[in-house]
Amino acid sequence: MRFRRICTSCVHHLLGGIILKKSITSDEAQDAFSGFPVVLATVSGAKDNIITLAMCHVFSFKPPYLGVGIGPKRFSHGLFKASEDFVVNIPDKKILKAVEICGSKSGRKVDKFEASGLTRENAEKVSAPLIAECPVNIECRKVKELEAGDHTWFIGEIVSARRDPDYDRIRDMLLYWGDYRTIGEIVR
């Protein structure tokens, strides 16, 4: 018996509109997301540090909890473990070079504020510094640590926040397959 190749639309028609999806790996499933928000998290301790992260998420609206995921091999992991608070700073594309520096250099070896040219500012309610160039700064008091596979989630209650008056989230960045991108068009 000889088999012929049938086009996808023909199979779709023969099955009455049912689309057969192929199985994918867990890595491919994670890659299916359109991107993850890029933030610069700051923490104080033996020295102030900045870490570029694409693992940041709202964990609760009431009370207002925000979490960041950090791998245990990162220098910042120990600082976050030892600290009672942290700040999530939302950068925009204007400071992409600084974001890349903070994501590629280790705080063990360099002062990331100095290396990136970012400006340290005092926070209102926490010991961790704010980043002046970021249009949004969210101060968090740590309430929980959650070990989740190869990352620890540091969850904090939002205790203070500020935003530039001309802030527009359309300029926020996403990390998508190793590329920094902006959010894009509104579809509805």
C-alpha atoms as a PDB file:
ATOM      1  CA  MET A   1       0.000   0.000   0.000  1.00  0.00           C
ATOM      2  CA  ARG A   2       1.302   3.426  -0.918  1.00  0.00           C
ATOM      3  CA  PHE A   3       0.722   6.488   1.307  1.00  0.00           C
ATOM      4  CA  ARG A   4       0.399  10.035   0.041  1.00  0.00           C
ATOM      5  CA  ARG A   5       1.198  13.173   1.949  1.00  0.00           C
ATOM      6  CA  ILE A   6      -1.942  15.075   2.897  1.00  0.00           C
ATOM      7  CA  CYS A   7      -1.816  18.808   3.535  1.00  0.00           C
ATOM      8  CA  THR A   8      -2.741  20.137   6.979  1.00  0.00           C
ATOM      9  CA  SER A   9      -5.870  21.908   5.719  1.00  0.00           C
ATOM     10  CA  CYS A  10      -7.087  18.633   4.126  1.00  0.00           C
ATOM     11  CA  VAL A  11      -6.651  16.769   7.416  1.00  0.00           C
ATOM     12  CA  HIS A  12      -8.434  19.614   9.205  1.00  0.00           C
ATOM     13  CA  HIS A  13     -11.347  19.279   6.746  1.00  0.00           C
ATOM     14  CA  LEU A  14     -11.470  15.463   6.949  1.00  0.00           C
ATOM     15  CA  LEU A  15     -11.615  15.587  10.751  1.00  0.00           C
ATOM     16  CA  GLY A  16     -14.545  17.975  10.732  1.00  0.00           C
ATOM     17  CA  GLY A  17     -12.598  20.995  11.908  1.00  0.00           C
ATOM     18  CA  ILE A  18     -10.743  19.227  14.718  1.00  0.00           C
ATOM     19  CA  ILE A  19      -7.126  20.310  14.885  1.00  0.00           C
ATOM     20  CA  LEU A  20      -4.670  17.735  16.106  1.00  0.00           C
ATOM     21  CA  LYS A  21      -1.980  19.365  18.209  1.00  0.00           C
ATOM     22  CA  LYS A  22       1.441  17.809  18.468  1.00  0.00           C
ATOM     23  CA  SER A  23       3.047  17.043  21.819  1.00  0.00           C
ATOM     24  CA  ILE A  24       5.838  19.383  22.858  1.00  0.00           C
ATOM     25  CA  THR A  25       8.526  19.304  25.535  1.00  0.00           C
ATOM     26  CA  SER A  26       8.346  21.280  28.775  1.00  0.00           C
ATOM     27  CA  ASP A  27      11.026  23.624  27.366  1.00  0.00           C
ATOM     28  CA  GLU A  28       8.868  24.242  24.290  1.00  0.00           C
ATOM     29  CA  ALA A  29       5.855  24.861  26.564  1.00  0.00           C
ATOM     30  CA  GLN A  30       7.791  27.541  28.464  1.00  0.00           C
ATOM     31  CA  ASP A  31       8.839  29.092  25.150  1.00  0.00           C
ATOM     32  CA  ALA A  32       5.163  29.426  24.190  1.00  0.00           C
ATOM     33  CA  PHE A  33       4.782  32.454  26.462  1.00  0.00           C
ATOM     34  CA  SER A  34       4.994  35.779  24.654  1.00  0.00           C
ATOM     35  CA  GLY A  35       7.642  37.096  27.025  1.00  0.00           C
ATOM     36  CA  PHE A  36       8.292  38.015  30.610  1.00  0.00           C
ATOM     37  CA  PRO A  37       8.491  41.499  32.142  1.00  0.00           C
ATOM     38  CA  VAL A  38      11.985  42.849  32.671  1.00  0.00           C
ATOM     39  CA  VAL A  39      12.655  44.493  36.027  1.00  0.00           C
ATOM     40  CA  LEU A  40      15.670  45.737  37.922  1.00  0.00           C
ATOM     41  CA  ALA A  41      15.411  44.517  41.509  1.00  0.00           C
ATOM     42  CA  THR A  42      17.517  46.227  44.151  1.00  0.00           C
ATOM     43  CA  VAL A  43      18.548  45.045  47.573  1.00  0.00           C
ATOM     44  CA  SER A  44      20.827  46.346  50.301  1.00  0.00           C
ATOM     45  CA  GLY A  45      23.158  44.379  52.505  1.00  0.00           C
ATOM     46  CA  ALA A  46      26.915  44.043  52.626  1.00  0.00           C
ATOM     47  CA  LYS A  47      26.630  46.185  49.494  1.00  0.00           C
ATOM     48  CA  ASP A  48      23.740  47.526  47.457  1.00  0.00           C
ATOM     49  CA  ASN A  49      23.080  45.463  44.361  1.00  0.00           C
ATOM     50  CA  ILE A  50      20.945  45.466  41.217  1.00  0.00           C
ATOM     51  CA  ILE A  51      19.832  42.333  39.390  1.00  0.00           C
ATOM     52  CA  THR A  52      18.068  42.232  36.024  1.00  0.00           C
ATOM     53  CA  LEU A  53      15.185  39.772  36.229  1.00  0.00           C
ATOM     54  CA  ALA A  54      12.529  38.388  33.929  1.00  0.00           C
ATOM     55  CA  MET A  55      10.858  36.484  36.768  1.00  0.00           C
ATOM     56  CA  CYS A  56       8.571  38.991  38.460  1.00  0.00           C
ATOM     57  CA  HIS A  57       4.911  38.458  39.194  1.00  0.00           C
ATOM     58  CA  VAL A  58       1.977  39.752  41.216  1.00  0.00           C
ATOM     59  CA  PHE A  59       1.187  37.102  43.834  1.00  0.00           C
ATOM     60  CA  SER A  60      -1.803  38.782  45.490  1.00  0.00           C
ATOM     61  CA  PHE A  61      -3.934  41.889  45.084  1.00  0.00           C
ATOM     62  CA  LYS A  62      -5.138  41.989  48.725  1.00  0.00           C
ATOM     63  CA  PRO A  63      -2.759  42.181  50.428  1.00  0.00           C
ATOM     64  CA  PRO A  64      -0.605  43.541  47.582  1.00  0.00           C
ATOM     65  CA  TYR A  65       2.180  40.974  47.123  1.00  0.00           C
ATOM     66  CA  LEU A  66       4.846  41.068  44.420  1.00  0.00           C
ATOM     67  CA  GLY A  67       7.453  38.360  43.912  1.00  0.00           C
ATOM     68  CA  VAL A  68      10.789  37.982  42.158  1.00  0.00           C
ATOM     69  CA  GLY A  69      12.431  34.657  41.284  1.00  0.00           C
ATOM     70  CA  ILE A  70      16.204  34.333  41.694  1.00  0.00           C
ATOM     71  CA  GLY A  71      18.441  31.308  41.159  1.00  0.00           C
ATOM     72  CA  PRO A  72      20.536  30.263  44.194  1.00  0.00           C
ATOM     73  CA  LYS A  73      23.841  30.589  42.303  1.00  0.00           C
ATOM     74  CA  ARG A  74      23.320  34.324  41.827  1.00  0.00           C
ATOM     75  CA  PHE A  75      25.125  36.749  44.131  1.00  0.00           C
ATOM     76  CA  SER A  76      21.824  38.578  44.687  1.00  0.00           C
ATOM     77  CA  HIS A  77      20.187  35.402  46.022  1.00  0.00           C
ATOM     78  CA  GLY A  78      22.189  35.584  49.255  1.00  0.00           C
ATOM     79  CA  LEU A  79      21.509  39.313  49.591  1.00  0.00           C
ATOM     80  CA  PHE A  80      17.757  38.793  49.113  1.00  0.00           C
ATOM     81  CA  LYS A  81      17.777  35.927  51.647  1.00  0.00           C
ATOM     82  CA  ALA A  82      19.499  38.109  54.246  1.00  0.00           C
ATOM     83  CA  SER A  83      17.451  41.246  53.596  1.00  0.00           C
ATOM     84  CA  GLU A  84      14.067  42.165  55.016  1.00  0.00           C
ATOM     85  CA  ASP A  85      13.078  44.160  51.947  1.00  0.00           C
ATOM     86  CA  PHE A  86      13.718  44.870  48.271  1.00  0.00           C
ATOM     87  CA  VAL A  87      12.623  47.215  45.491  1.00  0.00           C
ATOM     88  CA  VAL A  88      11.256  46.304  42.073  1.00  0.00           C
ATOM     89  CA  ASN A  89      12.213  49.023  39.589  1.00  0.00           C
ATOM     90  CA  ILE A  90      10.525  48.938  36.183  1.00  0.00           C
ATOM     91  CA  PRO A  91      12.895  50.158  33.474  1.00  0.00           C
ATOM     92  CA  ASP A  92      11.952  51.357  30.028  1.00  0.00           C
ATOM     93  CA  LYS A  93      13.782  50.972  26.759  1.00  0.00           C
ATOM     94  CA  LYS A  94      15.663  54.256  27.236  1.00  0.00           C
ATOM     95  CA  ILE A  95      17.993  52.541  29.717  1.00  0.00           C
ATOM     96  CA  LEU A  96      18.423  49.234  27.869  1.00  0.00           C
ATOM     97  CA  LYS A  97      22.241  49.399  28.016  1.00  0.00           C
ATOM     98  CA  ALA A  98      22.134  49.709  31.827  1.00  0.00           C
ATOM     99  CA  VAL A  99      19.644  46.816  32.008  1.00  0.00           C
ATOM    100  CA  GLU A 100      22.049  44.664  29.993  1.00  0.00           C
ATOM    101  CA  ILE A 101      25.017  45.628  32.194  1.00  0.00           C
ATOM    102  CA  CYS A 102      23.090  44.755  35.365  1.00  0.00           C
ATOM    103  CA  GLY A 103      22.111  41.414  33.819  1.00  0.00           C
ATOM    104  CA  SER A 104      25.580  40.460  32.623  1.00  0.00           C
ATOM    105  CA  LYS A 105      27.898  41.563  35.442  1.00  0.00           C
ATOM    106  CA  SER A 106      28.124  39.954  38.872  1.00  0.00           C
ATOM    107  CA  GLY A 107      27.645  42.077  41.958  1.00  0.00           C
ATOM    108  CA  ARG A 108      30.397  39.956  43.508  1.00  0.00           C
ATOM    109  CA  LYS A 109      32.898  41.720  41.257  1.00  0.00           C
ATOM    110  CA  VAL A 110      31.465  45.144  40.411  1.00  0.00           C
ATOM    111  CA  ASP A 111      29.300  47.893  41.841  1.00  0.00           C
ATOM    112  CA  LYS A 112      26.429  47.741  39.372  1.00  0.00           C
ATOM    113  CA  PHE A 113      25.308  51.303  40.107  1.00  0.00           C
ATOM    114  CA  GLU A 114      28.754  52.519  39.106  1.00  0.00           C
ATOM    115  CA  ALA A 115      29.143  50.136  36.136  1.00  0.00           C
ATOM    116  CA  SER A 116      25.698  50.953  34.689  1.00  0.00           C
ATOM    117  CA  GLY A 117      25.668  54.674  35.438  1.00  0.00           C
ATOM    118  CA  LEU A 118      22.315  54.317  37.240  1.00  0.00           C
ATOM    119  CA  THR A 119      21.512  56.661  40.122  1.00  0.00           C
ATOM    120  CA  ARG A 120      20.831  55.316  43.623  1.00  0.00           C
ATOM    121  CA  GLU A 121      18.028  57.054  45.558  1.00  0.00           C
ATOM    122  CA  ASN A 122      16.779  56.508  49.083  1.00  0.00           C
ATOM    123  CA  ALA A 123      13.490  54.665  49.411  1.00  0.00           C
ATOM    124  CA  GLU A 124      10.657  55.965  51.558  1.00  0.00           C
ATOM    125  CA  LYS A 125       9.939  52.828  53.661  1.00  0.00           C
ATOM    126  CA  VAL A 126      12.622  50.201  52.952  1.00  0.00           C
ATOM    127  CA  SER A 127      16.407  50.019  53.180  1.00  0.00           C
ATOM    128  CA  ALA A 128      16.937  48.897  49.558  1.00  0.00           C
ATOM    129  CA  PRO A 129      17.726  51.729  47.136  1.00  0.00           C
ATOM    130  CA  LEU A 130      15.523  52.971  44.300  1.00  0.00           C
ATOM    131  CA  ILE A 131      16.822  53.535  40.767  1.00  0.00           C
ATOM    132  CA  ALA A 132      16.148  57.153  39.736  1.00  0.00           C
ATOM    133  CA  GLU A 133      16.118  56.415  35.988  1.00  0.00           C
ATOM    134  CA  CYS A 134      13.319  53.822  36.284  1.00  0.00           C
ATOM    135  CA  PRO A 135       9.860  55.341  35.788  1.00  0.00           C
ATOM    136  CA  VAL A 136       8.326  53.022  38.418  1.00  0.00           C
ATOM    137  CA  ASN A 137       9.750  52.040  41.825  1.00  0.00           C
ATOM    138  CA  ILE A 138       7.893  49.549  44.039  1.00  0.00           C
ATOM    139  CA  GLU A 139       9.097  49.107  47.632  1.00  0.00           C
ATOM    140  CA  CYS A 140       8.447  45.678  49.139  1.00  0.00           C
ATOM    141  CA  ARG A 141       8.838  44.284  52.657  1.00  0.00           C
ATOM    142  CA  LYS A 142       9.671  40.572  52.380  1.00  0.00           C
ATOM    143  CA  VAL A 143       6.926  38.311  53.762  1.00  0.00           C
ATOM    144  CA  LYS A 144       7.810  34.902  52.321  1.00  0.00           C
ATOM    145  CA  GLU A 145      10.431  32.852  50.533  1.00  0.00           C
ATOM    146  CA  LEU A 146       9.303  29.982  48.357  1.00  0.00           C
ATOM    147  CA  GLU A 147      11.700  27.369  46.992  1.00  0.00           C
ATOM    148  CA  ALA A 148      10.373  26.418  43.558  1.00  0.00           C
ATOM    149  CA  GLY A 149      12.621  24.148  41.522  1.00  0.00           C
ATOM    150  CA  ASP A 150      15.732  25.987  40.420  1.00  0.00           C
ATOM    151  CA  HIS A 151      14.629  29.401  41.758  1.00  0.00           C
ATOM    152  CA  THR A 152      13.615  30.953  45.053  1.00  0.00           C
ATOM    153  CA  TRP A 153      10.671  33.322  44.922  1.00  0.00           C
ATOM    154  CA  PHE A 154      11.055  36.268  47.268  1.00  0.00           C
ATOM    155  CA  ILE A 155       7.575  37.600  47.918  1.00  0.00           C
ATOM    156  CA  GLY A 156       7.101  41.045  49.370  1.00  0.00           C
ATOM    157  CA  GLU A 157       4.190  43.192  50.426  1.00  0.00           C
ATOM    158  CA  ILE A 158       4.102  46.486  48.566  1.00  0.00           C
ATOM    159  CA  VAL A 159       4.568  49.189  51.216  1.00  0.00           C
ATOM    160  CA  SER A 160       5.223  52.186  48.956  1.00  0.00           C
ATOM    161  CA  ALA A 161       5.401  52.927  45.243  1.00  0.00           C
ATOM    162  CA  ARG A 162       5.947  55.832  42.914  1.00  0.00           C
ATOM    163  CA  ARG A 163       5.554  56.452  39.196  1.00  0.00           C
ATOM    164  CA  ASP A 164       6.648  59.202  36.820  1.00  0.00           C
ATOM    165  CA  PRO A 165       3.646  61.263  35.662  1.00  0.00           C
ATOM    166  CA  ASP A 166       4.454  60.571  31.983  1.00  0.00           C
ATOM    167  CA  TYR A 167       4.929  56.823  32.493  1.00  0.00           C
ATOM    168  CA  ASP A 168       3.491  54.676  29.694  1.00  0.00           C
ATOM    169  CA  ARG A 169       3.694  50.900  30.088  1.00  0.00           C
ATOM    170  CA  ILE A 170       3.951  50.562  26.299  1.00  0.00           C
ATOM    171  CA  ARG A 171       7.677  51.388  26.785  1.00  0.00           C
ATOM    172  CA  ASP A 172       8.149  48.550  29.300  1.00  0.00           C
ATOM    173  CA  MET A 173      10.354  45.721  28.155  1.00  0.00           C
ATOM    174  CA  LEU A 174       9.752  41.999  27.857  1.00  0.00           C
ATOM    175  CA  LEU A 175      12.400  39.325  27.580  1.00  0.00           C
ATOM    176  CA  TYR A 176      11.481  37.067  24.695  1.00  0.00           C
ATOM    177  CA  TRP A 177      13.837  34.268  23.607  1.00  0.00           C
ATOM    178  CA  GLY A 178      16.862  36.270  24.740  1.00  0.00           C
ATOM    179  CA  ASP A 179      15.712  39.480  23.046  1.00  0.00           C
ATOM    180  CA  TYR A 180      14.473  42.605  24.767  1.00  0.00           C
ATOM    181  CA  ARG A 181      11.210  43.802  23.236  1.00  0.00           C
ATOM    182  CA  THR A 182       8.548  46.351  24.028  1.00  0.00           C
ATOM    183  CA  ILE A 183       4.952  45.347  24.619  1.00  0.00           C
ATOM    184  CA  GLY A 184       3.484  46.336  21.242  1.00  0.00           C
ATOM    185  CA  GLU A 185       0.052  47.001  19.879  1.00  0.00           C
ATOM    186  CA  ILE A 186      -3.313  46.944  21.635  1.00  0.00           C
ATOM    187  CA  VAL A 187      -5.506  44.252  20.088  1.00  0.00           C
ATOM    188  CA  ARG A 188      -8.815  45.196  21.649  1.00  0.00           C
END
